[in-house]
Amino acid sequence: MRRILGGAVVLAAAATMIAAGVTVASADDSQPLASSSLVVNEVATSGPNGELDEFVEIVNVSSQTVKLAQNFQVRIYNAQNAQYKTILFPANTVLQPSGSVQSVIVLTGPDFSGTIQRGVQVVPYVLDLPAGIPDDGAVLISTNNNARVDGVAFSASVPAIAREGQPARATANLPVVDPTRYVSAARDVLSTDTDDNMLDFSLHTATPGDLN
């Protein structure tokens, strides 16, 4: 059974992140540094159940425990250069060091239809948007002081803070070979981050909470 977390938190001071050993890039960096802590590892903007059948997988790639609650948030952007929504982490949400099932957390949309292995933390969210995460938008992990940690964009027109190199290929408008297939944009099995979304993400069968 999945572990379901709920609630939202107020973000804490940046000093806490420094103490936790988290490396970030500033919000106005035109060429962001590769994240050494958290990465957006996999995203699906729609699925077999429609536009709200979506998820965001975040992975701790560091050797240290990372406290998500009070320190980080996930921002959703559209292609019109606007921040859509913000997803906050529930209190006491922590990611264990890389290599553990507890180093992964999956944020799931209201119509999520995927399967997540036992032990992976799951945070359901509702964006109050008809289409959820925009197919040509972006997903960004940031700190409470607007510093970028990691992100993936699906078009070149999203805000610079959410883009890394060339945009990743969108999961929308693909040829329908199997209507039950859940397609996502994901990093490789090592969660490689070269700060170029086009190079780092490829389309494949979704594996939320599992190895890509």
Foldseek 3Di string as FASTA:
>chain_A
DAAEDDDFAAAADCVVVVVQVWDFAAQPDLATDAGQFKEFFKWFCAALQGRQQIKTKMFTAHQTKDFQANWKWKWAWDLQQDTQDIGGDDPPQMAHYPPDLSRMEMEHGPRHDDDADYPHYYYYDYRPDPRGRDQQIKMFMDTPVNTTRYMAGQQPRYDSSHAFAHHAHGPPPDDPPDSNFGKMWGAAQSSDCPRHNNVGTDIDGDDHSDGD
